[in-house]
Protein backbone atom coordinates (compact mmCIF):
# COMPACT_ATOMS: atom_id res chain seq x y z
CA UNK A 1 14.49 25.56 37.91
CA UNK A 2 11.79 27.87 36.67
CA UNK A 3 10.92 27.89 32.93
CA UNK A 4 9.31 30.92 31.35
CA UNK A 5 6.13 29.99 29.49
CA UNK A 6 5.18 31.98 26.40
CA UNK A 7 2.34 31.78 23.91
CA UNK A 8 4.79 30.90 21.17
CA UNK A 9 5.99 27.35 20.59
CA UNK A 10 9.76 27.46 20.10
CA UNK A 11 9.76 24.98 17.18
CA UNK A 12 6.75 26.45 15.30
CA UNK A 13 7.50 29.88 13.79
CA UNK A 14 3.84 30.54 12.98
CA UNK A 15 2.91 30.28 16.67
CA UNK A 16 4.39 33.72 17.37
CA UNK A 17 1.43 36.03 18.17
CA UNK A 18 2.56 38.70 15.71
CA UNK A 19 2.75 36.16 12.89
CA UNK A 20 -0.75 34.88 13.68
CA UNK A 21 -2.16 38.43 13.75
CA UNK A 22 -0.51 39.25 10.40
CA UNK A 23 -2.00 36.16 8.74
CA UNK A 24 -5.46 36.86 10.15
CA UNK A 25 -5.27 40.43 8.87
CA UNK A 26 -4.20 39.20 5.41
CA UNK A 27 -7.26 36.95 5.05
CA UNK A 28 -9.66 39.36 6.69
CA UNK A 29 -10.51 37.26 9.76
CA UNK A 30 -10.92 38.75 13.20
CA UNK A 31 -9.79 35.65 15.10
CA UNK A 32 -8.72 32.04 14.69
CA UNK A 33 -12.10 31.07 16.11
CA UNK A 34 -13.76 32.71 13.11
CA UNK A 35 -11.81 30.41 10.76
CA UNK A 36 -13.57 27.37 12.22
CA UNK A 37 -17.06 28.80 12.52
CA UNK A 38 -18.37 26.45 9.82
CA UNK A 39 -17.57 23.38 11.97
CA UNK A 40 -20.66 22.35 14.02
CA UNK A 41 -20.32 23.04 17.72
CA UNK A 42 -20.89 19.40 18.72
CA UNK A 43 -17.94 18.39 16.55
CA UNK A 44 -15.50 20.65 18.38
CA UNK A 45 -13.40 19.86 21.43
CA UNK A 46 -13.76 22.51 24.12
CA UNK A 47 -11.69 20.95 26.88
CA UNK A 48 -8.00 21.23 27.53
CA UNK A 49 -5.36 18.75 26.42
CA UNK A 50 -3.11 17.31 29.09
CA UNK A 51 0.11 18.11 27.27
CA UNK A 52 3.55 18.49 28.82
CA UNK A 53 5.13 21.94 28.66
CA UNK A 54 7.12 22.85 25.57
CA UNK A 55 10.83 22.09 25.70
CA UNK A 56 12.48 25.42 24.89
CA UNK A 57 16.01 24.00 24.89
CA UNK A 58 17.29 22.15 21.84
CA UNK A 59 19.46 20.04 24.15
CA UNK A 60 16.44 18.95 26.20
CA UNK A 61 14.40 18.32 23.06
CA UNK A 62 17.11 16.06 21.60
CA UNK A 63 17.41 14.07 24.85
CA UNK A 64 13.61 13.67 24.97
CA UNK A 65 13.41 12.45 21.37
CA UNK A 66 16.30 9.99 21.78
CA UNK A 67 14.69 8.58 24.91
CA UNK A 68 11.36 8.19 23.12
CA UNK A 69 12.92 6.62 20.03
CA UNK A 70 14.87 4.25 22.28
CA UNK A 71 11.59 2.53 23.16
CA UNK A 72 11.23 1.30 19.59
CA UNK A 73 11.95 -2.34 18.81
CA UNK A 74 12.84 -2.66 15.14
CA UNK A 75 13.17 -5.52 12.70
CA UNK A 76 16.92 -5.01 12.63
CA UNK A 77 17.48 -6.38 16.13
CA UNK A 78 14.35 -8.56 16.23
CA UNK A 79 13.14 -11.39 14.01
CA UNK A 80 9.91 -10.35 12.26
CA UNK A 81 7.15 -12.37 10.63
CA UNK A 82 4.86 -9.39 10.07
CA UNK A 83 3.53 -8.52 6.63
CA UNK A 84 -0.08 -7.51 5.93
CA UNK A 85 0.86 -4.57 3.70
CA UNK A 86 4.41 -3.62 4.70
CA UNK A 87 6.94 -6.35 4.00
CA UNK A 88 10.55 -7.01 4.99
CA UNK A 89 12.33 -7.72 1.72
CA UNK A 90 16.01 -7.29 1.05
CA UNK A 91 16.93 -3.92 -0.48
CA UNK A 92 20.26 -4.12 -2.33
CA UNK A 93 22.74 -1.39 -1.33
CA UNK A 94 22.95 -0.11 -4.91
CA UNK A 95 19.25 0.80 -4.81
CA UNK A 96 19.85 3.29 -2.00
CA UNK A 97 23.04 4.51 -3.67
CA UNK A 98 21.29 5.41 -6.94
CA UNK A 99 18.07 6.73 -5.40
CA UNK A 100 20.12 8.88 -3.04
CA UNK A 101 22.01 10.69 -5.82
CA UNK A 102 21.44 14.42 -5.67
CA UNK A 103 19.90 14.68 -9.15
CA UNK A 104 17.10 12.36 -7.98
CA UNK A 105 16.94 13.16 -4.28
CA UNK A 106 16.53 16.90 -4.82
CA UNK A 107 14.48 16.83 -8.02
CA UNK A 108 10.99 16.82 -6.53
CA UNK A 109 9.67 18.82 -9.43
CA UNK A 110 11.07 20.98 -12.21
CA UNK A 111 10.14 21.25 -15.85
CA UNK A 112 10.18 18.46 -18.47
CA UNK A 113 13.03 20.13 -20.36
CA UNK A 114 15.17 20.52 -17.24
CA UNK A 115 14.81 17.03 -15.80
CA UNK A 116 15.49 14.56 -18.60
CA UNK A 117 17.38 12.23 -16.25
CA UNK A 118 14.51 12.15 -13.81
CA UNK A 119 11.94 11.67 -16.57
CA UNK A 120 13.95 8.87 -18.14
CA UNK A 121 14.21 7.08 -14.77
CA UNK A 122 10.45 7.44 -14.33
CA UNK A 123 9.89 6.15 -17.86
CA UNK A 124 12.07 3.13 -17.10
CA UNK A 125 10.03 2.48 -13.96
CA UNK A 126 6.78 2.52 -15.92
CA UNK A 127 8.22 0.36 -18.71
CA UNK A 128 9.63 -2.28 -16.38
CA UNK A 129 6.52 -2.45 -14.23
CA UNK A 130 4.40 -2.73 -17.38
CA UNK A 131 6.49 -5.74 -18.46
CA UNK A 132 6.06 -7.29 -15.02
CA UNK A 133 2.26 -6.97 -14.81
CA UNK A 134 1.66 -7.47 -18.53
CA UNK A 135 0.17 -4.04 -19.21
CA UNK A 136 1.18 -1.27 -21.63
CA UNK A 137 0.20 1.91 -19.80
CA UNK A 138 1.55 2.63 -16.31
CA UNK A 139 1.21 5.90 -14.40
CA UNK A 140 3.64 7.27 -11.88
CA UNK A 141 2.97 5.82 -8.43
CA UNK A 142 0.40 7.03 -5.95
CA UNK A 143 0.67 6.96 -2.17
CA UNK A 144 -0.23 3.32 -1.46
CA UNK A 145 -1.90 0.17 -2.76
CA UNK A 146 -5.15 1.31 -1.16
CA UNK A 147 -4.97 4.66 -2.96
CA UNK A 148 -4.28 2.89 -6.26
CA UNK A 149 -7.30 0.62 -5.74
CA UNK A 150 -9.47 3.60 -4.83
CA UNK A 151 -8.32 5.51 -7.92
CA UNK A 152 -9.01 2.44 -10.07
CA UNK A 153 -12.53 2.16 -8.65
CA UNK A 154 -13.22 5.77 -9.59
CA UNK A 155 -11.71 5.20 -13.03
CA UNK A 156 -14.08 2.25 -13.54
CA UNK A 157 -17.05 4.35 -12.45
CA UNK A 158 -16.16 7.12 -14.90
CA UNK A 159 -15.56 4.64 -17.75
CA UNK A 160 -18.84 2.76 -17.23
CA UNK A 161 -21.03 5.51 -15.78
CA UNK A 162 -22.00 3.12 -12.97
CA UNK A 163 -21.81 3.44 -9.19
CA UNK A 164 -21.27 -0.04 -7.67
CA UNK A 165 -17.98 -1.79 -6.84
CA UNK A 166 -17.59 -5.41 -5.74
CA UNK A 167 -14.59 -6.33 -3.57
CA UNK A 168 -13.61 -9.49 -1.66
CA UNK A 169 -14.65 -9.78 1.98
CA UNK A 170 -11.16 -11.15 2.64
CA UNK A 171 -9.60 -7.84 1.65
CA UNK A 172 -7.17 -6.04 3.97
CA UNK A 173 -9.52 -4.01 6.26
CA UNK A 174 -7.19 -1.01 6.14
CA UNK A 175 -7.02 -1.11 2.34
CA UNK A 176 -10.79 -1.51 2.18
CA UNK A 177 -11.22 1.56 4.39
CA UNK A 178 -9.09 3.59 1.98
CA UNK A 179 -11.14 2.36 -1.00
CA UNK A 180 -14.38 3.29 0.76
CA UNK A 181 -12.99 6.75 1.44
CA UNK A 182 -12.15 7.18 -2.24
CA UNK A 183 -15.66 6.02 -3.13
CA UNK A 184 -17.09 8.79 -0.91
CA UNK A 185 -20.01 8.78 1.56
CA UNK A 186 -23.52 8.02 0.36
CA UNK A 187 -24.44 11.69 0.77
CA UNK A 188 -21.95 12.72 -1.92
CA UNK A 189 -22.93 13.04 -5.57
CA UNK A 190 -19.94 10.92 -6.63
CA UNK A 191 -20.65 8.12 -4.15
CA UNK A 192 -19.77 4.61 -5.29
CA UNK A 193 -21.41 1.80 -3.33
CA UNK A 194 -18.78 -0.73 -2.18
CA UNK A 195 -20.12 -4.25 -1.58
CA UNK A 196 -18.15 -7.23 -0.32
CA UNK A 197 -18.23 -10.68 -1.90
CA UNK A 198 -17.90 -13.63 0.48
CA UNK A 199 -14.92 -15.95 0.45
CA UNK A 200 -14.97 -19.73 0.71
CA UNK A 201 -14.15 -20.64 4.35
CA UNK A 202 -12.42 -23.82 3.15
CA UNK A 203 -10.10 -22.32 0.57
CA UNK A 204 -10.04 -18.57 1.20
CA UNK A 205 -10.86 -18.00 -2.47
CA UNK A 206 -13.65 -15.77 -3.72
CA UNK A 207 -17.11 -17.34 -3.51
CA UNK A 208 -18.18 -17.42 -7.16
CA UNK A 209 -21.82 -18.11 -6.28
CA UNK A 210 -21.98 -14.99 -4.13
CA UNK A 211 -20.22 -13.04 -6.88
CA UNK A 212 -22.80 -14.21 -9.44
CA UNK A 213 -25.64 -13.21 -7.11
CA UNK A 214 -24.27 -9.67 -6.72
CA UNK A 215 -23.12 -9.03 -10.29
CA UNK A 216 -25.55 -6.97 -12.32
CA UNK A 217 -25.54 -4.47 -15.14
CA UNK A 218 -25.07 -1.58 -12.69
CA UNK A 219 -21.69 -2.80 -11.41
CA UNK A 220 -18.81 -0.53 -12.43
CA UNK A 221 -16.00 -2.85 -11.43
CA UNK A 222 -15.07 -6.14 -9.81
CA UNK A 223 -11.92 -5.99 -7.70
CA UNK A 224 -9.99 -9.02 -6.48
CA UNK A 225 -6.41 -9.74 -5.41
CA UNK A 226 -3.85 -12.45 -6.00
CA UNK A 227 -2.12 -13.12 -3.74
CA UNK A 228 -4.94 -11.94 -1.50
CA UNK A 229 -4.61 -10.40 1.95
CA UNK A 230 -4.94 -13.86 3.56
CA UNK A 231 -2.12 -15.09 1.34
CA UNK A 232 -4.20 -17.19 -1.02
CA UNK A 233 -3.55 -17.31 -4.76
CA UNK A 234 -6.82 -16.71 -6.63
CA UNK A 235 -6.68 -19.57 -9.13
CA UNK A 236 -9.99 -18.67 -10.81
CA UNK A 237 -9.12 -15.17 -11.95
CA UNK A 238 -10.16 -15.87 -15.55
CA UNK A 239 -13.64 -16.98 -14.39
CA UNK A 240 -14.04 -13.84 -12.27
CA UNK A 241 -12.93 -11.58 -15.13
CA UNK A 242 -15.25 -13.36 -17.59
CA UNK A 243 -18.20 -12.95 -15.24
CA UNK A 244 -17.44 -9.24 -14.84
CA UNK A 245 -17.16 -8.73 -18.58
CA UNK A 246 -20.52 -10.42 -19.22
CA UNK A 247 -22.07 -7.58 -17.23
CA UNK A 248 -19.91 -4.86 -18.81
CA UNK A 249 -17.93 -4.28 -15.59
CA UNK A 250 -14.25 -3.40 -15.41
CA UNK A 251 -11.99 -6.09 -13.94
CA UNK A 252 -9.51 -4.64 -11.44
CA UNK A 253 -6.79 -6.92 -10.08
CA UNK A 254 -4.61 -6.14 -7.09
CA UNK A 255 -1.23 -7.82 -7.03
CA UNK A 256 2.08 -7.91 -5.16
CA UNK A 257 4.47 -7.56 -8.12
CA UNK A 258 7.28 -9.52 -6.48
CA UNK A 259 5.13 -12.64 -6.99
CA UNK A 260 5.06 -12.25 -10.78
CA UNK A 261 8.29 -14.11 -11.39
CA UNK A 262 6.31 -17.30 -10.78
CA UNK A 263 2.64 -16.26 -11.08
CA UNK A 264 0.92 -15.32 -14.33
CA UNK A 265 0.54 -11.58 -14.89
CA UNK A 266 -3.02 -10.27 -14.40
CA UNK A 267 -3.30 -9.46 -18.10
CA UNK A 268 -3.20 -13.21 -18.82
CA UNK A 269 -6.49 -13.81 -17.04
CA UNK A 270 -8.48 -10.78 -18.15
CA UNK A 271 -7.54 -7.78 -16.02
CA UNK A 272 -8.51 -4.38 -17.39
CA UNK A 273 -6.75 -2.40 -14.64
CA UNK A 274 -3.97 -3.69 -12.41
CA UNK A 275 -3.02 -2.08 -9.10
CA UNK A 276 -0.69 -2.99 -6.28
CA UNK A 277 2.22 -2.00 -4.10
CA UNK A 278 5.73 -0.98 -5.09
CA UNK A 279 7.03 -1.30 -1.52
CA UNK A 280 8.19 -4.84 -2.31
CA UNK A 281 10.29 -3.53 -5.23
CA UNK A 282 13.30 -2.05 -3.45
CA UNK A 283 11.61 0.15 -0.85
CA UNK A 284 12.41 -0.07 2.85
CA UNK A 285 9.71 -0.62 5.43
CA UNK A 286 8.43 2.60 6.94
CA UNK A 287 5.75 3.86 9.28
CA UNK A 288 3.72 6.94 8.45
CA UNK A 289 4.99 7.41 4.91
CA UNK A 290 3.69 6.36 1.54
CA UNK A 291 4.50 2.75 0.66
CA UNK A 292 3.77 3.45 -2.99
CA UNK A 293 1.02 2.04 -5.18
CA UNK A 294 0.81 1.67 -8.96
CA UNK A 295 -1.96 1.75 -11.56
CA UNK A 296 -1.59 0.00 -14.93
CA UNK A 297 -3.90 -0.77 -17.84
CA UNK A 298 -3.99 -1.44 -21.53
CA UNK A 299 -2.80 1.44 -23.70
CA UNK A 300 -6.30 2.44 -24.77
CA UNK A 301 -7.62 5.99 -24.77
CA UNK A 302 -10.70 5.06 -22.73
CA UNK A 303 -8.38 4.10 -19.85
CA UNK A 304 -5.56 6.60 -20.40
CA UNK A 305 -7.99 9.51 -20.29
CA UNK A 306 -9.13 8.51 -16.81
CA UNK A 307 -5.73 8.33 -15.10
CA UNK A 308 -5.28 10.86 -12.30
CA UNK A 309 -1.52 10.31 -12.24
CA UNK A 310 1.40 11.90 -14.03
CA UNK A 311 2.35 9.90 -17.11
CA UNK A 312 5.73 9.96 -18.85
CA UNK A 313 6.12 9.72 -22.63
CA UNK A 314 9.10 9.24 -24.92
CA UNK A 315 9.61 10.50 -28.47
CA UNK A 316 12.33 10.99 -31.04
CA UNK A 317 13.96 14.32 -31.82
CA UNK A 318 15.43 15.96 -34.90
CA UNK A 319 18.76 14.31 -34.04
CA UNK A 320 18.88 10.68 -35.24
CA UNK A 321 19.06 8.26 -32.31
CA UNK A 322 18.22 10.94 -29.75
CA UNK A 323 15.04 10.77 -27.68
CA UNK A 324 13.24 13.18 -25.40
CA UNK A 325 10.99 12.61 -22.41
CA UNK A 326 8.04 14.60 -21.17
CA UNK A 327 4.83 14.46 -19.19
CA UNK A 328 1.67 13.60 -21.10
CA UNK A 329 -2.01 13.98 -20.18
CA UNK A 330 -0.98 16.30 -17.37
CA UNK A 331 -4.00 18.52 -17.95
CA UNK A 332 -6.38 15.86 -16.58
CA UNK A 333 -4.50 15.55 -13.29
CA UNK A 334 -4.84 17.82 -10.28
CA UNK A 335 -1.54 19.39 -11.34
CA UNK A 336 -3.20 20.62 -14.50
CA UNK A 337 -6.79 21.19 -13.34
CA UNK A 338 -6.55 21.36 -9.53
CA UNK A 339 -9.93 20.40 -8.02
CA UNK A 340 -11.36 19.76 -11.49
CA UNK A 341 -8.83 17.00 -12.18
CA UNK A 342 -9.82 13.35 -12.45
CA UNK A 343 -8.59 12.81 -8.88
CA UNK A 344 -6.01 14.26 -6.56
CA UNK A 345 -2.43 13.51 -7.64
CA UNK A 346 0.26 13.27 -4.98
CA UNK A 347 4.02 13.33 -5.48
CA UNK A 348 5.20 11.81 -2.23
CA UNK A 349 6.51 8.52 -3.66
CA UNK A 350 8.19 9.59 -6.91
CA UNK A 351 11.60 8.92 -5.37
CA UNK A 352 10.43 5.39 -4.57
CA UNK A 353 9.75 4.97 -8.29
CA UNK A 354 13.47 5.58 -8.88
CA UNK A 355 14.37 2.96 -6.27
CA UNK A 356 11.93 0.49 -7.84
CA UNK A 357 13.36 1.10 -11.31
CA UNK A 358 16.84 0.28 -10.01
CA UNK A 359 15.56 -2.82 -8.21
CA UNK A 360 13.69 -4.15 -11.25
CA UNK A 361 16.65 -3.54 -13.53
CA UNK A 362 18.90 -5.47 -11.13
CA UNK A 363 16.50 -8.39 -10.85
CA UNK A 364 15.52 -8.95 -14.46
CA UNK A 365 13.23 -11.87 -15.44
CA UNK A 366 15.52 -14.54 -13.95
CA UNK A 367 15.91 -12.62 -10.70
CA UNK A 368 12.17 -12.34 -10.24
CA UNK A 369 11.77 -16.06 -10.99
CA UNK A 370 14.46 -16.98 -8.49
CA UNK A 371 13.14 -14.78 -5.68
CA UNK A 372 9.58 -15.96 -6.30
CA UNK A 373 10.62 -19.60 -6.10
CA UNK A 374 12.72 -18.94 -2.99
CA UNK A 375 9.88 -17.15 -1.18
CA UNK A 376 7.19 -19.73 -1.96
CA UNK A 377 9.47 -22.63 -1.00
CA UNK A 378 10.42 -21.05 2.31
CA UNK A 379 6.83 -20.01 3.07
CA UNK A 380 5.56 -23.56 2.53
CA UNK A 381 8.41 -24.97 4.60
CA UNK A 382 7.48 -22.55 7.38
CA UNK A 383 3.80 -23.46 7.18
CA UNK A 384 4.63 -27.17 7.39
CA UNK A 385 6.85 -26.67 10.45
CA UNK A 386 4.38 -24.34 12.20
CA UNK A 387 1.58 -26.89 11.70
CA UNK A 388 3.67 -29.38 13.71
CA UNK A 389 3.24 -27.26 16.85
CA UNK A 390 0.60 -28.91 19.11
CA UNK A 391 -2.80 -27.19 18.86
CA UNK A 392 -1.71 -24.93 15.97
CA UNK A 393 -3.44 -25.09 12.58
CA UNK A 394 -2.45 -23.56 9.27
CA UNK A 395 -5.60 -22.35 7.52
CA UNK A 396 -5.82 -22.38 3.69
CA UNK A 397 -2.68 -24.52 3.63
CA UNK A 398 -2.62 -24.94 -0.15
CA UNK A 399 -2.09 -22.27 -2.78
CA UNK A 400 -0.43 -19.37 -0.94
CA UNK A 401 2.60 -17.28 -1.83
CA UNK A 402 4.42 -15.68 1.12
CA UNK A 403 1.68 -15.19 3.73
CA UNK A 404 -0.47 -17.76 5.45
CA UNK A 405 -3.05 -17.83 8.23
CA UNK A 406 -2.22 -19.59 11.52
CA UNK A 407 -5.00 -20.45 13.99
CA UNK A 408 -4.27 -20.95 17.71
CA UNK A 409 -7.73 -22.05 18.93
CA UNK A 410 -6.48 -25.54 19.71
CA UNK A 411 -3.85 -24.21 22.10
CA UNK A 412 -6.26 -22.36 24.37
CA UNK A 413 -4.16 -19.24 23.84
CA UNK A 414 -5.11 -15.99 22.14
CA UNK A 415 -2.99 -14.47 19.40
CA UNK A 416 -2.15 -11.60 21.76
CA UNK A 417 -0.81 -14.05 24.36
CA UNK A 418 1.24 -15.92 21.79
CA UNK A 419 2.68 -12.72 20.35
CA UNK A 420 3.58 -11.45 23.83
CA UNK A 421 5.51 -14.67 24.50
CA UNK A 422 7.26 -14.41 21.14
CA UNK A 423 8.18 -10.79 21.75
CA UNK A 424 9.91 -11.80 24.97
CA UNK A 425 12.21 -13.88 22.76
CA UNK A 426 12.87 -11.09 20.28
CA UNK A 427 10.35 -12.25 17.68
CA UNK A 428 7.51 -10.28 16.11
CA UNK A 429 4.73 -12.81 15.60
CA UNK A 430 2.12 -12.66 12.86
CA UNK A 431 -0.43 -9.90 12.40
CA UNK A 432 -3.39 -10.53 14.71
CA UNK A 433 -6.49 -10.75 12.46
CA UNK A 434 -8.88 -12.25 15.04
CA UNK A 435 -10.84 -9.00 15.42
CA UNK A 436 -11.10 -8.31 11.69
CA UNK A 437 -11.95 -11.90 10.73
CA UNK A 438 -13.69 -13.42 13.80
CA UNK A 439 -14.91 -16.42 11.79
CA UNK A 440 -11.28 -17.55 11.55
CA UNK A 441 -10.98 -17.70 15.33
CA UNK A 442 -7.76 -16.76 17.12
CA UNK A 443 -5.84 -16.33 13.88
CA UNK A 444 -2.69 -14.49 12.82
CA UNK A 445 -1.21 -13.72 9.41
CA UNK A 446 2.43 -14.82 9.11
CA UNK A 447 4.76 -13.55 6.39
CA UNK A 448 7.86 -15.28 5.02
CA UNK A 449 10.21 -13.59 2.56
CA UNK A 450 13.67 -14.23 1.14
CA UNK A 451 15.25 -12.91 4.35
CA UNK A 452 13.91 -15.85 6.38
CA UNK A 453 16.32 -18.75 6.22
CA UNK A 454 15.78 -22.21 7.71
CA UNK A 455 17.47 -21.17 10.96
CA UNK A 456 15.05 -18.24 11.46
CA UNK A 457 12.03 -20.41 10.67
CA UNK A 458 13.16 -23.14 13.03
CA UNK A 459 13.73 -20.51 15.72
CA UNK A 460 10.12 -19.35 15.27
CA UNK A 461 8.80 -22.91 15.58
CA UNK A 462 10.80 -23.56 18.77
CA UNK A 463 9.51 -20.29 20.26
CA UNK A 464 5.92 -21.14 19.30
CA UNK A 465 6.18 -24.53 21.02
CA UNK A 466 7.14 -22.78 24.26
CA UNK A 467 4.54 -20.04 23.81
CA UNK A 468 1.57 -22.44 23.56
CA UNK A 469 2.49 -24.68 26.52
């Protein structure tokens, strides 16, 4: 059957020639080519893309999408031990029920006086997260942990007037790339030099000698994580913070907040700014969307004035016992000052803040303690069982929370080969980190959460034994 081809794409209204011409006329451009004249010629693709023809029929488009989506293999029908930034934690049904209510789901914006329910829910999120991390001032969430860390680095640079940031070499490469992007290229006036500090190959902890060698009075901030990307719990956080303070640097700590039911909050060991993910607090795993990241600090003007986020305040009214909520310090965000704001402020994860507020209120202190104990017990059980597999070694076997590094060098197999064999049995193996951390050999990062019972862990071990034969 013959299909008529037109210049317009059926699912993109702006592709209609008349619409394009009207927009060009409105901005005073003669052609679309003229819009991109400032892009150097050697940066532009002049070939043709080998794309299939547009599907003009909605029926055909639906069939095509369903067929494509059918290739996915999800964590619902497969057993997953992947983590490394997106984690499979249990999300109670009530979290989705509350976050899906129309007053939250449809209230992307509005005015402070028209959205008291939304503002109160946001305030509860900030209050609960502040209790969890031991800080008094918490902004509304940004797009991801990496974005939060990048914002914190820029906050530290503005507070100190310095342009160097020290980060652990064991940091998540993807998160590090985001931080480097926030710190801008060397050609930019606001460039912040990002330098890595080595980690001890025996323990996975930060190398304090290398830190001391790189610390100087021009360092804006020292960033470290606990638990770190490789799963290790940084037991010398107070020493790192003290070293940073001796040089007048800001101490920035990255943390997975679900660990704080059993680990000390960063404020206890000297953190000035705390950042991390909120994906572990009642948010489902997703691909391509914001996982949510938070920024918290002491309630001091020097820090509060540097936040790029929206911040929610509470105050009394003329009616005894009545309170009102509103946004404070909005003028310093990109909402209030656009490109002159402290940094760009996104709003893509504000609904996740509602979900996290519900999750934290359900958990309470005892809930966080119980889930923390459950996760660390199951993770250490899993590490012990995995280490029993011939040729398999658990690296940094002491002092980890829910993730640990597994090395397969002794099996003669690569991580890719092991994961392929596991996938054939309906198991997602650990994140392959052999390319990012070659010194660790053929290594993978395995993640255990409260969803992994003994039966699932034993199934993994049995599958690994077959995979390495």
